Amino acid sequence: MSKRVLITDDAAFMREMLREILTDGGYEIVAEAADGDEALARFREHRPDVITLDIVMPGKSGLDVLREITALDPSACIVMCSALGQEALVMEALEAGAKEYIIKPFKPDQVLGALNEALQKSAEG
């Protein structure tokens, strides 16, 4: 199973943290995005196997990007990244097509578990 990832977060240190966790876990980071528009462009360019998507970003929100990506590719494998206290947004994202979610601050075993679970769900259709 291919494990090519697009990391999307407006905070550079969060992208760095995810990059380290995922690289150590055997994932290939094909691109990073700092906002929603960049995420859409990188998605079109790279067609990654999985996308991590910050739920709250300036400009286009993670929910907006989620909806746009799933409109382009209904089978897209998207894992939302959320802070504690954003349960309503997480539920909305899951209903809109996200496969999984991870809560900040990131814990390596939870991040890898969520991405593996999301890829498994995508493979099952």
C-alpha atoms as a PDB file:
ATOM      1  CA  MET A   1       0.000   0.000   0.000  1.00  0.00           C
ATOM      2  CA  SER A   2       1.380   3.351  -1.063  1.00  0.00           C
ATOM      3  CA  LYS A   3       1.747   5.964   1.656  1.00  0.00           C
ATOM      4  CA  ARG A   4       2.232   9.333  -0.079  1.00  0.00           C
ATOM      5  CA  VAL A   5       1.093  12.247   2.098  1.00  0.00           C
ATOM      6  CA  LEU A   6       0.159  15.907   1.663  1.00  0.00           C
ATOM      7  CA  ILE A   7       0.470  17.784   4.982  1.00  0.00           C
ATOM      8  CA  THR A   8      -1.703  20.903   5.383  1.00  0.00           C
ATOM      9  CA  ASP A   9      -1.433  23.229   8.391  1.00  0.00           C
ATOM     10  CA  ASP A  10      -1.026  26.991   8.665  1.00  0.00           C
ATOM     11  CA  ALA A  11       1.560  26.548  11.461  1.00  0.00           C
ATOM     12  CA  ALA A  12       5.019  25.611  10.186  1.00  0.00           C
ATOM     13  CA  PHE A  13       5.963  23.875  13.458  1.00  0.00           C
ATOM     14  CA  MET A  14       2.868  21.627  13.178  1.00  0.00           C
ATOM     15  CA  ARG A  15       3.833  20.658   9.620  1.00  0.00           C
ATOM     16  CA  GLU A  16       7.355  19.914  10.854  1.00  0.00           C
ATOM     17  CA  MET A  17       6.028  17.760  13.702  1.00  0.00           C
ATOM     18  CA  LEU A  18       3.765  15.787  11.353  1.00  0.00           C
ATOM     19  CA  ARG A  19       6.588  15.432   8.794  1.00  0.00           C
ATOM     20  CA  GLU A  20       8.875  13.885  11.436  1.00  0.00           C
ATOM     21  CA  ILE A  21       6.198  11.521  12.802  1.00  0.00           C
ATOM     22  CA  LEU A  22       5.082  10.365   9.359  1.00  0.00           C
ATOM     23  CA  THR A  23       8.568  10.017   7.883  1.00  0.00           C
ATOM     24  CA  ASP A  24       9.627   7.950  10.908  1.00  0.00           C
ATOM     25  CA  GLY A  25       6.474   5.867  10.386  1.00  0.00           C
ATOM     26  CA  GLY A  26       7.346   4.993   6.791  1.00  0.00           C
ATOM     27  CA  TYR A  27       5.280   7.603   4.968  1.00  0.00           C
ATOM     28  CA  GLU A  28       6.565   9.673   2.046  1.00  0.00           C
ATOM     29  CA  ILE A  29       5.781  13.392   2.269  1.00  0.00           C
ATOM     30  CA  VAL A  30       5.067  14.500  -1.306  1.00  0.00           C
ATOM     31  CA  ALA A  31       4.069  18.081  -0.468  1.00  0.00           C
ATOM     32  CA  GLU A  32       3.114  20.530   2.253  1.00  0.00           C
ATOM     33  CA  ALA A  33       0.616  23.374   2.223  1.00  0.00           C
ATOM     34  CA  ALA A  34       0.196  26.346   4.565  1.00  0.00           C
ATOM     35  CA  ASP A  35      -3.358  27.229   3.534  1.00  0.00           C
ATOM     36  CA  GLY A  36      -6.438  25.911   1.794  1.00  0.00           C
ATOM     37  CA  ASP A  37      -5.702  27.238  -1.680  1.00  0.00           C
ATOM     38  CA  GLU A  38      -2.191  25.787  -1.579  1.00  0.00           C
ATOM     39  CA  ALA A  39      -3.615  22.456  -0.360  1.00  0.00           C
ATOM     40  CA  LEU A  40      -5.970  22.275  -3.344  1.00  0.00           C
ATOM     41  CA  ALA A  41      -3.141  23.080  -5.760  1.00  0.00           C
ATOM     42  CA  ARG A  42      -0.824  20.467  -4.194  1.00  0.00           C
ATOM     43  CA  PHE A  43      -3.631  17.883  -4.211  1.00  0.00           C
ATOM     44  CA  ARG A  44      -4.222  18.401  -7.935  1.00  0.00           C
ATOM     45  CA  GLU A  45      -0.478  18.306  -8.616  1.00  0.00           C
ATOM     46  CA  HIS A  46       0.500  15.244  -6.555  1.00  0.00           C
ATOM     47  CA  ARG A  47      -2.707  13.205  -5.993  1.00  0.00           C
ATOM     48  CA  PRO A  48      -1.415  11.917  -2.623  1.00  0.00           C
ATOM     49  CA  ASP A  49      -2.716   8.717  -1.029  1.00  0.00           C
ATOM     50  CA  VAL A  50      -3.642  10.591   2.143  1.00  0.00           C
ATOM     51  CA  ILE A  51      -4.041  14.248   3.139  1.00  0.00           C
ATOM     52  CA  THR A  52      -3.710  15.672   6.633  1.00  0.00           C
ATOM     53  CA  LEU A  53      -5.849  18.784   6.820  1.00  0.00           C
ATOM     54  CA  ASP A  54      -5.953  21.322   9.640  1.00  0.00           C
ATOM     55  CA  ILE A  55      -9.608  21.998  10.420  1.00  0.00           C
ATOM     56  CA  VAL A  56      -9.130  25.706  11.306  1.00  0.00           C
ATOM     57  CA  MET A  57      -7.005  27.837   8.975  1.00  0.00           C
ATOM     58  CA  PRO A  58      -7.166  31.471   7.894  1.00  0.00           C
ATOM     59  CA  GLY A  59      -8.863  32.021   4.541  1.00  0.00           C
ATOM     60  CA  LYS A  60     -10.291  28.748   3.319  1.00  0.00           C
ATOM     61  CA  SER A  61     -11.070  26.486   6.281  1.00  0.00           C
ATOM     62  CA  GLY A  62     -10.185  22.827   6.425  1.00  0.00           C
ATOM     63  CA  LEU A  63     -13.885  22.025   6.027  1.00  0.00           C
ATOM     64  CA  ASP A  64     -14.043  24.079   2.823  1.00  0.00           C
ATOM     65  CA  VAL A  65     -10.960  22.315   1.457  1.00  0.00           C
ATOM     66  CA  LEU A  66     -12.342  18.914   2.482  1.00  0.00           C
ATOM     67  CA  ARG A  67     -15.542  19.577   0.533  1.00  0.00           C
ATOM     68  CA  GLU A  68     -13.640  20.805  -2.538  1.00  0.00           C
ATOM     69  CA  ILE A  69     -11.252  17.849  -2.574  1.00  0.00           C
ATOM     70  CA  THR A  70     -14.042  15.283  -2.102  1.00  0.00           C
ATOM     71  CA  ALA A  71     -15.958  16.982  -4.950  1.00  0.00           C
ATOM     72  CA  LEU A  72     -12.880  16.475  -7.164  1.00  0.00           C
ATOM     73  CA  ASP A  73     -12.199  12.951  -5.885  1.00  0.00           C
ATOM     74  CA  PRO A  74     -14.899  11.293  -3.742  1.00  0.00           C
ATOM     75  CA  SER A  75     -12.423   8.545  -2.789  1.00  0.00           C
ATOM     76  CA  ALA A  76      -9.816  10.998  -1.409  1.00  0.00           C
ATOM     77  CA  CYS A  77      -8.389   9.873   1.922  1.00  0.00           C
ATOM     78  CA  ILE A  78      -8.457  12.857   4.282  1.00  0.00           C
ATOM     79  CA  VAL A  79      -7.463  12.959   7.962  1.00  0.00           C
ATOM     80  CA  MET A  80      -8.531  16.115   9.801  1.00  0.00           C
ATOM     81  CA  CYS A  81      -6.260  17.728  12.414  1.00  0.00           C
ATOM     82  CA  SER A  82      -8.102  19.382  15.269  1.00  0.00           C
ATOM     83  CA  ALA A  83      -7.437  21.056  18.589  1.00  0.00           C
ATOM     84  CA  LEU A  84      -9.290  19.912  21.673  1.00  0.00           C
ATOM     85  CA  GLY A  85     -12.715  21.494  21.956  1.00  0.00           C
ATOM     86  CA  GLN A  86     -13.482  21.338  18.221  1.00  0.00           C
ATOM     87  CA  GLU A  87     -15.666  18.219  18.411  1.00  0.00           C
ATOM     88  CA  ALA A  88     -18.554  19.791  16.468  1.00  0.00           C
ATOM     89  CA  LEU A  89     -16.208  20.686  13.595  1.00  0.00           C
ATOM     90  CA  VAL A  90     -14.710  17.177  13.652  1.00  0.00           C
ATOM     91  CA  MET A  91     -18.179  15.605  13.437  1.00  0.00           C
ATOM     92  CA  GLU A  92     -19.052  17.919  10.542  1.00  0.00           C
ATOM     93  CA  ALA A  93     -15.806  16.927   8.776  1.00  0.00           C
ATOM     94  CA  LEU A  94     -16.476  13.201   9.225  1.00  0.00           C
ATOM     95  CA  GLU A  95     -19.999  13.648   7.859  1.00  0.00           C
ATOM     96  CA  ALA A  96     -18.530  15.562   4.887  1.00  0.00           C
ATOM     97  CA  GLY A  97     -16.175  12.715   3.964  1.00  0.00           C
ATOM     98  CA  ALA A  98     -13.090  12.805   6.191  1.00  0.00           C
ATOM     99  CA  LYS A  99     -11.908   9.261   6.995  1.00  0.00           C
ATOM    100  CA  GLU A 100     -10.324   9.968  10.397  1.00  0.00           C
ATOM    101  CA  TYR A 101      -9.098  12.753  12.649  1.00  0.00           C
ATOM    102  CA  ILE A 102      -6.187  13.446  14.969  1.00  0.00           C
ATOM    103  CA  ILE A 103      -6.108  15.791  17.959  1.00  0.00           C
ATOM    104  CA  LYS A 104      -3.346  18.308  18.686  1.00  0.00           C
ATOM    105  CA  PRO A 105      -0.904  18.101  20.359  1.00  0.00           C
ATOM    106  CA  PHE A 106       0.133  15.202  18.134  1.00  0.00           C
ATOM    107  CA  LYS A 107       1.178  11.874  19.644  1.00  0.00           C
ATOM    108  CA  PRO A 108       3.101   9.687  17.173  1.00  0.00           C
ATOM    109  CA  ASP A 109       1.165   6.473  17.866  1.00  0.00           C
ATOM    110  CA  GLN A 110      -2.197   8.245  17.481  1.00  0.00           C
ATOM    111  CA  VAL A 111      -1.138   9.988  14.257  1.00  0.00           C
ATOM    112  CA  LEU A 112       0.161   6.793  12.650  1.00  0.00           C
ATOM    113  CA  GLY A 113      -2.843   4.812  13.873  1.00  0.00           C
ATOM    114  CA  ALA A 114      -5.285   7.345  12.406  1.00  0.00           C
ATOM    115  CA  LEU A 115      -3.525   7.459   9.031  1.00  0.00           C
ATOM    116  CA  ASN A 116      -3.320   3.669   8.837  1.00  0.00           C
ATOM    117  CA  GLU A 117      -7.016   3.433   9.754  1.00  0.00           C
ATOM    118  CA  ALA A 118      -7.947   6.076   7.157  1.00  0.00           C
ATOM    119  CA  LEU A 119      -6.009   4.282   4.409  1.00  0.00           C
ATOM    120  CA  GLN A 120      -7.668   1.000   5.401  1.00  0.00           C
ATOM    121  CA  LYS A 121     -11.133   2.630   5.160  1.00  0.00           C
ATOM    122  CA  SER A 122     -10.218   4.070   1.745  1.00  0.00           C
ATOM    123  CA  ALA A 123      -9.039   0.693   0.494  1.00  0.00           C
ATOM    124  CA  GLU A 124     -12.311  -0.891   1.581  1.00  0.00           C
ATOM    125  CA  GLY A 125     -14.249   1.749  -0.334  1.00  0.00           C
END
